[in-house]
Amino acid sequence: MKRFELARAITENELLLHYQPRLMLPSLTFRGVEALVRWRSPERGLVSPLQFVPAAEGAGLIRDLEAWVLREALLQSSVWRRDGLDFGVSVNISLSDLHDQSFRRLMVHTLRIQGNPHAFIVEVSAASAATDPDPPLAALEELRERGIRTALDDVTTSEQITATRTLRWNYVKLGRSLIRSAPTDPAAAALARSLAEEVHRDGARLAAVGVENAAGLDFARELGCHLVQGYHFAAPMPTRELITWIRFRS
């Protein structure tokens, strides 16, 4: 994957966002969405973010990519609010950008113009945060002081919670692979229960990602999850489909 392809994707409108709904337990009330970037390449077709996001990091383009996602998600959020739909949006941000004061300024500036900080959540990968030699405590506090909430994403080990406990997350999201496996795998279920207990003790709100069936939903309820997300409710989808989904549920 060549650098010029990635750069072109960012500047030539080849990227798009899909949105996956989050629901609140126990009522299953619609609560918000996670913005997920997609790339429709003229040469490669629809490229998985599992391929192009690491490639963008390696090519030094992750800041440009995440700035595009941030602006696009907040612009779309402002359109929804104008149309009477006011709900939260979360965006994944890399640690390198979280440490970058100029990127945080961009985030705050964009929110001031287009968004509601209290409806915005910054998600950070647990695997990255747990191994960061310079934990972004000050950066996260700066965001929270401005009303932005934070989430530790894709937690699969107790070590990830322990290593990032001082960062005081608003939300902790148990990993997709763990939630998928837990209903049929006793070891995964035991691990998920242990992680949930830690999160509840720390005072963060617990979320389950990867809820794909009724058994997964029942398990999320058992864990005391505040939020759930997964294909059992809806796949990530373009804006038009999301609005139809919201109106159908209401």
C-alpha atoms as a PDB file:
ATOM      1  CA  MET A   1       0.000   0.000   0.000  1.00  0.00           C
ATOM      2  CA  LYS A   2       1.748   3.132  -1.234  1.00  0.00           C
ATOM      3  CA  ARG A   3       1.908   6.386   0.687  1.00  0.00           C
ATOM      4  CA  PHE A   4       0.550   8.427  -2.218  1.00  0.00           C
ATOM      5  CA  GLU A   5      -2.576   6.215  -2.291  1.00  0.00           C
ATOM      6  CA  LEU A   6      -3.252   6.901   1.381  1.00  0.00           C
ATOM      7  CA  ALA A   7      -2.573  10.615   1.016  1.00  0.00           C
ATOM      8  CA  ARG A   8      -4.904  10.766  -1.980  1.00  0.00           C
ATOM      9  CA  ALA A   9      -7.607   8.898  -0.074  1.00  0.00           C
ATOM     10  CA  ILE A  10      -7.559  11.563   2.640  1.00  0.00           C
ATOM     11  CA  THR A  11      -7.572  14.552   0.288  1.00  0.00           C
ATOM     12  CA  GLU A  12      -9.739  13.253  -2.582  1.00  0.00           C
ATOM     13  CA  ASN A  13     -12.863  12.123  -0.714  1.00  0.00           C
ATOM     14  CA  GLU A  14     -12.179   8.401  -0.988  1.00  0.00           C
ATOM     15  CA  LEU A  15     -12.791   7.965   2.746  1.00  0.00           C
ATOM     16  CA  LEU A  16     -16.203   7.617   4.317  1.00  0.00           C
ATOM     17  CA  LEU A  17     -17.599   7.050   7.781  1.00  0.00           C
ATOM     18  CA  HIS A  18     -19.938   4.319   8.895  1.00  0.00           C
ATOM     19  CA  TYR A  19     -21.655   4.531  12.266  1.00  0.00           C
ATOM     20  CA  GLN A  20     -22.445   1.671  14.629  1.00  0.00           C
ATOM     21  CA  PRO A  21     -25.169   2.306  17.217  1.00  0.00           C
ATOM     22  CA  ARG A  22     -24.634   1.961  20.961  1.00  0.00           C
ATOM     23  CA  LEU A  23     -27.546   1.106  23.234  1.00  0.00           C
ATOM     24  CA  MET A  24     -28.010   1.665  26.947  1.00  0.00           C
ATOM     25  CA  LEU A  25     -28.897  -1.150  29.306  1.00  0.00           C
ATOM     26  CA  PRO A  26     -31.236  -2.255  30.703  1.00  0.00           C
ATOM     27  CA  SER A  27     -33.721  -0.421  28.458  1.00  0.00           C
ATOM     28  CA  LEU A  28     -31.881  -0.880  25.117  1.00  0.00           C
ATOM     29  CA  THR A  29     -32.452   2.820  24.475  1.00  0.00           C
ATOM     30  CA  PHE A  30     -30.408   4.230  21.583  1.00  0.00           C
ATOM     31  CA  ARG A  31     -27.549   6.199  23.120  1.00  0.00           C
ATOM     32  CA  GLY A  32     -25.123   7.172  20.361  1.00  0.00           C
ATOM     33  CA  VAL A  33     -22.745   5.886  17.699  1.00  0.00           C
ATOM     34  CA  GLU A  34     -19.124   4.994  17.115  1.00  0.00           C
ATOM     35  CA  ALA A  35     -17.675   6.550  13.952  1.00  0.00           C
ATOM     36  CA  LEU A  36     -15.672   4.004  11.930  1.00  0.00           C
ATOM     37  CA  VAL A  37     -13.621   4.989   8.899  1.00  0.00           C
ATOM     38  CA  ARG A  38     -13.793   3.134   5.578  1.00  0.00           C
ATOM     39  CA  TRP A  39     -11.764   3.551   2.383  1.00  0.00           C
ATOM     40  CA  ARG A  40     -13.240   3.035  -1.060  1.00  0.00           C
ATOM     41  CA  SER A  41     -10.115   2.865  -3.235  1.00  0.00           C
ATOM     42  CA  PRO A  42     -10.447   3.199  -7.034  1.00  0.00           C
ATOM     43  CA  GLU A  43      -7.814   0.471  -7.461  1.00  0.00           C
ATOM     44  CA  ARG A  44      -8.433  -1.783  -4.458  1.00  0.00           C
ATOM     45  CA  GLY A  45     -12.151  -1.477  -3.821  1.00  0.00           C
ATOM     46  CA  LEU A  46     -13.353  -1.323  -0.225  1.00  0.00           C
ATOM     47  CA  VAL A  47     -10.240  -1.595   1.966  1.00  0.00           C
ATOM     48  CA  SER A  48     -10.472  -2.781   5.573  1.00  0.00           C
ATOM     49  CA  PRO A  49      -9.360  -0.282   8.237  1.00  0.00           C
ATOM     50  CA  LEU A  50      -7.348  -3.164   9.710  1.00  0.00           C
ATOM     51  CA  GLN A  51      -5.137  -2.738   6.649  1.00  0.00           C
ATOM     52  CA  PHE A  52      -5.027   0.967   5.936  1.00  0.00           C
ATOM     53  CA  VAL A  53      -4.973   2.427   9.466  1.00  0.00           C
ATOM     54  CA  PRO A  54      -1.673   0.672  10.391  1.00  0.00           C
ATOM     55  CA  ALA A  55      -0.369   1.617   6.935  1.00  0.00           C
ATOM     56  CA  ALA A  56      -1.246   5.260   7.621  1.00  0.00           C
ATOM     57  CA  GLU A  57       0.639   5.075  10.933  1.00  0.00           C
ATOM     58  CA  GLY A  58       3.679   3.626   9.187  1.00  0.00           C
ATOM     59  CA  ALA A  59       3.524   6.289   6.475  1.00  0.00           C
ATOM     60  CA  GLY A  60       3.284   9.179   8.939  1.00  0.00           C
ATOM     61  CA  LEU A  61      -0.277   9.999   7.862  1.00  0.00           C
ATOM     62  CA  ILE A  62      -2.209   8.966  10.953  1.00  0.00           C
ATOM     63  CA  ARG A  63      -2.649  12.565  12.116  1.00  0.00           C
ATOM     64  CA  ASP A  64      -4.122  13.582   8.752  1.00  0.00           C
ATOM     65  CA  LEU A  65      -6.390  10.538   8.760  1.00  0.00           C
ATOM     66  CA  GLU A  66      -7.649  11.088  12.298  1.00  0.00           C
ATOM     67  CA  ALA A  67      -8.118  14.820  11.697  1.00  0.00           C
ATOM     68  CA  TRP A  68     -10.315  13.935   8.707  1.00  0.00           C
ATOM     69  CA  VAL A  69     -12.349  11.469  10.792  1.00  0.00           C
ATOM     70  CA  LEU A  70     -12.727  13.997  13.603  1.00  0.00           C
ATOM     71  CA  ARG A  71     -13.910  16.815  11.336  1.00  0.00           C
ATOM     72  CA  GLU A  72     -16.242  14.581   9.329  1.00  0.00           C
ATOM     73  CA  ALA A  73     -17.824  12.983  12.409  1.00  0.00           C
ATOM     74  CA  LEU A  74     -18.390  16.324  14.115  1.00  0.00           C
ATOM     75  CA  LEU A  75     -19.729  17.923  10.943  1.00  0.00           C
ATOM     76  CA  GLN A  76     -22.206  15.076  10.547  1.00  0.00           C
ATOM     77  CA  SER A  77     -23.111  15.349  14.226  1.00  0.00           C
ATOM     78  CA  SER A  78     -23.920  19.043  13.754  1.00  0.00           C
ATOM     79  CA  VAL A  79     -26.192  18.154  10.810  1.00  0.00           C
ATOM     80  CA  TRP A  80     -28.017  15.584  12.958  1.00  0.00           C
ATOM     81  CA  ARG A  81     -28.534  18.137  15.731  1.00  0.00           C
ATOM     82  CA  ARG A  82     -29.884  20.656  13.228  1.00  0.00           C
ATOM     83  CA  ASP A  83     -32.391  17.995  12.175  1.00  0.00           C
ATOM     84  CA  GLY A  84     -33.436  17.376  15.768  1.00  0.00           C
ATOM     85  CA  LEU A  85     -31.301  14.274  16.419  1.00  0.00           C
ATOM     86  CA  ASP A  86     -28.972  14.911  19.343  1.00  0.00           C
ATOM     87  CA  PHE A  87     -26.875  11.911  20.398  1.00  0.00           C
ATOM     88  CA  GLY A  88     -23.287  11.079  21.299  1.00  0.00           C
ATOM     89  CA  VAL A  89     -20.496  10.252  18.862  1.00  0.00           C
ATOM     90  CA  SER A  90     -17.239   8.469  19.686  1.00  0.00           C
ATOM     91  CA  VAL A  91     -14.039   8.568  17.639  1.00  0.00           C
ATOM     92  CA  ASN A  92     -10.885   6.474  17.956  1.00  0.00           C
ATOM     93  CA  ILE A  93      -7.744   8.556  18.507  1.00  0.00           C
ATOM     94  CA  SER A  94      -4.171   7.228  18.486  1.00  0.00           C
ATOM     95  CA  LEU A  95      -1.850   7.887  21.407  1.00  0.00           C
ATOM     96  CA  SER A  96       0.506   9.858  19.170  1.00  0.00           C
ATOM     97  CA  ASP A  97      -2.287  12.330  18.401  1.00  0.00           C
ATOM     98  CA  LEU A  98      -3.470  12.387  21.994  1.00  0.00           C
ATOM     99  CA  HIS A  99       0.037  13.432  23.035  1.00  0.00           C
ATOM    100  CA  ASP A 100       0.120  16.093  20.289  1.00  0.00           C
ATOM    101  CA  GLN A 101      -1.036  19.402  21.763  1.00  0.00           C
ATOM    102  CA  SER A 102      -1.761  20.861  18.328  1.00  0.00           C
ATOM    103  CA  PHE A 103      -4.097  17.940  17.574  1.00  0.00           C
ATOM    104  CA  ARG A 104      -5.892  18.444  20.890  1.00  0.00           C
ATOM    105  CA  ARG A 105      -6.309  22.119  20.005  1.00  0.00           C
ATOM    106  CA  LEU A 106      -7.773  21.075  16.660  1.00  0.00           C
ATOM    107  CA  MET A 107     -10.180  18.753  18.462  1.00  0.00           C
ATOM    108  CA  VAL A 108     -11.326  21.427  20.901  1.00  0.00           C
ATOM    109  CA  HIS A 109     -11.593  24.071  18.151  1.00  0.00           C
ATOM    110  CA  THR A 110     -13.645  21.773  15.916  1.00  0.00           C
ATOM    111  CA  LEU A 111     -15.934  20.875  18.805  1.00  0.00           C
ATOM    112  CA  ARG A 112     -16.414  24.537  19.651  1.00  0.00           C
ATOM    113  CA  ILE A 113     -17.555  25.275  16.103  1.00  0.00           C
ATOM    114  CA  GLN A 114     -19.485  22.145  15.184  1.00  0.00           C
ATOM    115  CA  GLY A 115     -20.078  19.956  18.175  1.00  0.00           C
ATOM    116  CA  ASN A 116     -21.243  19.498  21.724  1.00  0.00           C
ATOM    117  CA  PRO A 117     -18.257  18.413  23.875  1.00  0.00           C
ATOM    118  CA  HIS A 118     -20.543  16.611  26.312  1.00  0.00           C
ATOM    119  CA  ALA A 119     -21.803  14.380  23.476  1.00  0.00           C
ATOM    120  CA  PHE A 120     -18.298  13.463  22.288  1.00  0.00           C
ATOM    121  CA  ILE A 121     -16.189  10.487  23.411  1.00  0.00           C
ATOM    122  CA  VAL A 122     -12.508   9.925  22.622  1.00  0.00           C
ATOM    123  CA  GLU A 123     -11.615   6.223  22.468  1.00  0.00           C
ATOM    124  CA  VAL A 124      -8.052   4.991  22.998  1.00  0.00           C
ATOM    125  CA  SER A 125      -6.788   1.468  22.296  1.00  0.00           C
ATOM    126  CA  ALA A 126      -6.128  -0.485  25.492  1.00  0.00           C
ATOM    127  CA  ALA A 127      -3.185  -2.313  23.928  1.00  0.00           C
ATOM    128  CA  SER A 128      -1.476   0.997  23.101  1.00  0.00           C
ATOM    129  CA  ALA A 129      -2.348   2.788  26.331  1.00  0.00           C
ATOM    130  CA  ALA A 130      -1.136  -0.081  28.528  1.00  0.00           C
ATOM    131  CA  THR A 131       2.331  -0.055  26.951  1.00  0.00           C
ATOM    132  CA  ASP A 132       2.794   3.711  26.606  1.00  0.00           C
ATOM    133  CA  PRO A 133       5.947   4.745  28.514  1.00  0.00           C
ATOM    134  CA  ASP A 134       4.480   8.234  28.921  1.00  0.00           C
ATOM    135  CA  PRO A 135       0.816   7.838  29.970  1.00  0.00           C
ATOM    136  CA  PRO A 136      -1.270  10.772  28.637  1.00  0.00           C
ATOM    137  CA  LEU A 137      -2.720  11.737  32.022  1.00  0.00           C
ATOM    138  CA  ALA A 138      -2.494  15.511  31.464  1.00  0.00           C
ATOM    139  CA  ALA A 139      -3.901  15.240  27.940  1.00  0.00           C
ATOM    140  CA  LEU A 140      -6.927  13.245  29.080  1.00  0.00           C
ATOM    141  CA  GLU A 141      -7.535  15.594  32.006  1.00  0.00           C
ATOM    142  CA  GLU A 142      -7.414  18.549  29.605  1.00  0.00           C
ATOM    143  CA  LEU A 143     -10.095  16.936  27.436  1.00  0.00           C
ATOM    144  CA  ARG A 144     -12.298  16.034  30.398  1.00  0.00           C
ATOM    145  CA  GLU A 145     -12.068  19.589  31.737  1.00  0.00           C
ATOM    146  CA  ARG A 146     -13.590  20.701  28.428  1.00  0.00           C
ATOM    147  CA  GLY A 147     -16.450  18.247  28.767  1.00  0.00           C
ATOM    148  CA  ILE A 148     -15.076  15.500  26.503  1.00  0.00           C
ATOM    149  CA  ARG A 149     -15.451  11.972  27.845  1.00  0.00           C
ATOM    150  CA  THR A 150     -12.856   9.224  27.418  1.00  0.00           C
ATOM    151  CA  ALA A 151     -13.025   5.479  26.819  1.00  0.00           C
ATOM    152  CA  LEU A 152     -10.478   2.678  27.036  1.00  0.00           C
ATOM    153  CA  ASP A 153     -11.239   0.524  24.005  1.00  0.00           C
ATOM    154  CA  ASP A 154     -10.891  -3.216  23.374  1.00  0.00           C
ATOM    155  CA  VAL A 155      -9.867  -4.369  26.853  1.00  0.00           C
ATOM    156  CA  THR A 156      -8.974  -8.061  26.978  1.00  0.00           C
ATOM    157  CA  THR A 157      -6.596  -8.381  29.965  1.00  0.00           C
ATOM    158  CA  SER A 158      -6.453  -7.322  33.589  1.00  0.00           C
ATOM    159  CA  GLU A 159      -2.990  -5.880  32.946  1.00  0.00           C
ATOM    160  CA  GLN A 160      -4.484  -3.319  30.564  1.00  0.00           C
ATOM    161  CA  ILE A 161      -6.822  -2.055  33.262  1.00  0.00           C
ATOM    162  CA  THR A 162      -4.102  -2.007  35.917  1.00  0.00           C
ATOM    163  CA  ALA A 163      -1.577  -0.218  33.700  1.00  0.00           C
ATOM    164  CA  THR A 164      -4.042   2.546  32.757  1.00  0.00           C
ATOM    165  CA  ARG A 165      -5.991   2.918  36.006  1.00  0.00           C
ATOM    166  CA  THR A 166      -4.515   6.339  36.797  1.00  0.00           C
ATOM    167  CA  LEU A 167      -5.959   7.683  33.525  1.00  0.00           C
ATOM    168  CA  ARG A 168      -9.469   7.618  35.039  1.00  0.00           C
ATOM    169  CA  TRP A 169     -11.558   6.540  32.067  1.00  0.00           C
ATOM    170  CA  ASN A 170     -15.235   7.441  31.856  1.00  0.00           C
ATOM    171  CA  TYR A 171     -15.900   4.196  29.980  1.00  0.00           C
ATOM    172  CA  VAL A 172     -14.127   0.865  29.616  1.00  0.00           C
ATOM    173  CA  LYS A 173     -15.086  -1.260  26.599  1.00  0.00           C
ATOM    174  CA  LEU A 174     -14.552  -5.001  26.851  1.00  0.00           C
ATOM    175  CA  GLY A 175     -13.031  -6.369  23.666  1.00  0.00           C
ATOM    176  CA  ARG A 176     -15.072  -7.759  20.808  1.00  0.00           C
ATOM    177  CA  SER A 177     -13.250 -11.104  20.781  1.00  0.00           C
ATOM    178  CA  LEU A 178     -13.894 -11.597  24.497  1.00  0.00           C
ATOM    179  CA  ILE A 179     -17.609 -10.796  24.324  1.00  0.00           C
ATOM    180  CA  ARG A 180     -18.092 -12.990  21.271  1.00  0.00           C
ATOM    181  CA  SER A 181     -16.442 -15.974  22.957  1.00  0.00           C
ATOM    182  CA  ALA A 182     -17.792 -15.650  26.492  1.00  0.00           C
ATOM    183  CA  PRO A 183     -21.261 -17.224  26.037  1.00  0.00           C
ATOM    184  CA  THR A 184     -19.718 -20.540  24.908  1.00  0.00           C
ATOM    185  CA  ASP A 185     -16.200 -20.397  26.397  1.00  0.00           C
ATOM    186  CA  PRO A 186     -16.024 -20.740  30.215  1.00  0.00           C
ATOM    187  CA  ALA A 187     -12.470 -19.342  30.350  1.00  0.00           C
ATOM    188  CA  ALA A 188     -13.451 -16.236  28.364  1.00  0.00           C
ATOM    189  CA  ALA A 189     -16.559 -15.806  30.521  1.00  0.00           C
ATOM    190  CA  ALA A 190     -14.511 -16.007  33.731  1.00  0.00           C
ATOM    191  CA  LEU A 191     -12.034 -13.445  32.399  1.00  0.00           C
ATOM    192  CA  ALA A 192     -14.826 -11.086  31.338  1.00  0.00           C
ATOM    193  CA  ARG A 193     -16.456 -11.328  34.779  1.00  0.00           C
ATOM    194  CA  SER A 194     -13.145 -10.566  36.469  1.00  0.00           C
ATOM    195  CA  LEU A 195     -12.527  -7.552  34.219  1.00  0.00           C
ATOM    196  CA  ALA A 196     -16.059  -6.284  34.810  1.00  0.00           C
ATOM    197  CA  GLU A 197     -15.540  -6.433  38.576  1.00  0.00           C
ATOM    198  CA  GLU A 198     -12.358  -4.361  38.231  1.00  0.00           C
ATOM    199  CA  VAL A 199     -14.092  -1.757  36.090  1.00  0.00           C
ATOM    200  CA  HIS A 200     -17.024  -1.460  38.497  1.00  0.00           C
ATOM    201  CA  ARG A 201     -14.614  -1.072  41.441  1.00  0.00           C
ATOM    202  CA  ASP A 202     -12.803   1.710  39.591  1.00  0.00           C
ATOM    203  CA  GLY A 203     -16.066   3.586  39.041  1.00  0.00           C
ATOM    204  CA  ALA A 204     -15.988   3.603  35.229  1.00  0.00           C
ATOM    205  CA  ARG A 205     -18.973   2.676  33.107  1.00  0.00           C
ATOM    206  CA  LEU A 206     -18.704  -0.693  31.419  1.00  0.00           C
ATOM    207  CA  ALA A 207     -19.453  -1.297  27.737  1.00  0.00           C
ATOM    208  CA  ALA A 208     -19.571  -4.531  25.743  1.00  0.00           C
ATOM    209  CA  VAL A 209     -18.566  -4.514  22.071  1.00  0.00           C
ATOM    210  CA  GLY A 210     -19.222  -7.499  19.839  1.00  0.00           C
ATOM    211  CA  VAL A 211     -22.690  -8.431  21.070  1.00  0.00           C
ATOM    212  CA  GLU A 212     -23.803 -10.621  18.171  1.00  0.00           C
ATOM    213  CA  ASN A 213     -26.727 -12.626  19.539  1.00  0.00           C
ATOM    214  CA  ALA A 214     -29.183 -12.945  22.412  1.00  0.00           C
ATOM    215  CA  ALA A 215     -26.679 -14.976  24.444  1.00  0.00           C
ATOM    216  CA  GLY A 216     -24.134 -12.162  24.138  1.00  0.00           C
ATOM    217  CA  LEU A 217     -26.736  -9.628  25.257  1.00  0.00           C
ATOM    218  CA  ASP A 218     -27.701 -11.760  28.254  1.00  0.00           C
ATOM    219  CA  PHE A 219     -24.036 -12.023  29.216  1.00  0.00           C
ATOM    220  CA  ALA A 220     -23.571  -8.242  28.919  1.00  0.00           C
ATOM    221  CA  ARG A 221     -26.533  -7.774  31.236  1.00  0.00           C
ATOM    222  CA  GLU A 222     -25.006 -10.248  33.692  1.00  0.00           C
ATOM    223  CA  LEU A 223     -21.761  -8.250  33.693  1.00  0.00           C
ATOM    224  CA  GLY A 224     -23.627  -5.059  34.564  1.00  0.00           C
ATOM    225  CA  CYS A 225     -22.764  -3.295  31.313  1.00  0.00           C
ATOM    226  CA  HIS A 226     -24.026   0.242  30.853  1.00  0.00           C
ATOM    227  CA  LEU A 227     -23.669   0.203  27.050  1.00  0.00           C
ATOM    228  CA  VAL A 228     -23.768  -2.516  24.386  1.00  0.00           C
ATOM    229  CA  GLN A 229     -22.781  -2.490  20.735  1.00  0.00           C
ATOM    230  CA  GLY A 230     -22.693  -5.174  18.067  1.00  0.00           C
ATOM    231  CA  TYR A 231     -24.260  -6.904  15.094  1.00  0.00           C
ATOM    232  CA  HIS A 232     -27.122  -8.215  17.249  1.00  0.00           C
ATOM    233  CA  PHE A 233     -28.471  -4.658  17.046  1.00  0.00           C
ATOM    234  CA  ALA A 234     -26.903  -3.206  13.902  1.00  0.00           C
ATOM    235  CA  ALA A 235     -23.808  -3.315  11.720  1.00  0.00           C
ATOM    236  CA  PRO A 236     -21.818  -0.133  11.059  1.00  0.00           C
ATOM    237  CA  MET A 237     -23.781   1.766   8.418  1.00  0.00           C
ATOM    238  CA  PRO A 238     -23.775   4.971   6.339  1.00  0.00           C
ATOM    239  CA  THR A 239     -25.621   8.033   7.613  1.00  0.00           C
ATOM    240  CA  ARG A 240     -28.795   7.533   5.597  1.00  0.00           C
ATOM    241  CA  GLU A 241     -29.232   3.964   6.818  1.00  0.00           C
ATOM    242  CA  LEU A 242     -28.493   5.045  10.392  1.00  0.00           C
ATOM    243  CA  ILE A 243     -31.263   7.652  10.343  1.00  0.00           C
ATOM    244  CA  THR A 244     -33.706   5.053   8.996  1.00  0.00           C
ATOM    245  CA  TRP A 245     -32.616   2.652  11.758  1.00  0.00           C
ATOM    246  CA  ILE A 246     -33.106   5.296  14.473  1.00  0.00           C
ATOM    247  CA  ARG A 247     -36.547   6.289  13.212  1.00  0.00           C
ATOM    248  CA  PHE A 248     -37.627   2.664  12.897  1.00  0.00           C
ATOM    249  CA  ARG A 249     -36.643   1.975  16.522  1.00  0.00           C
ATOM    250  CA  SER A 250     -38.464   5.054  17.771  1.00  0.00           C
END
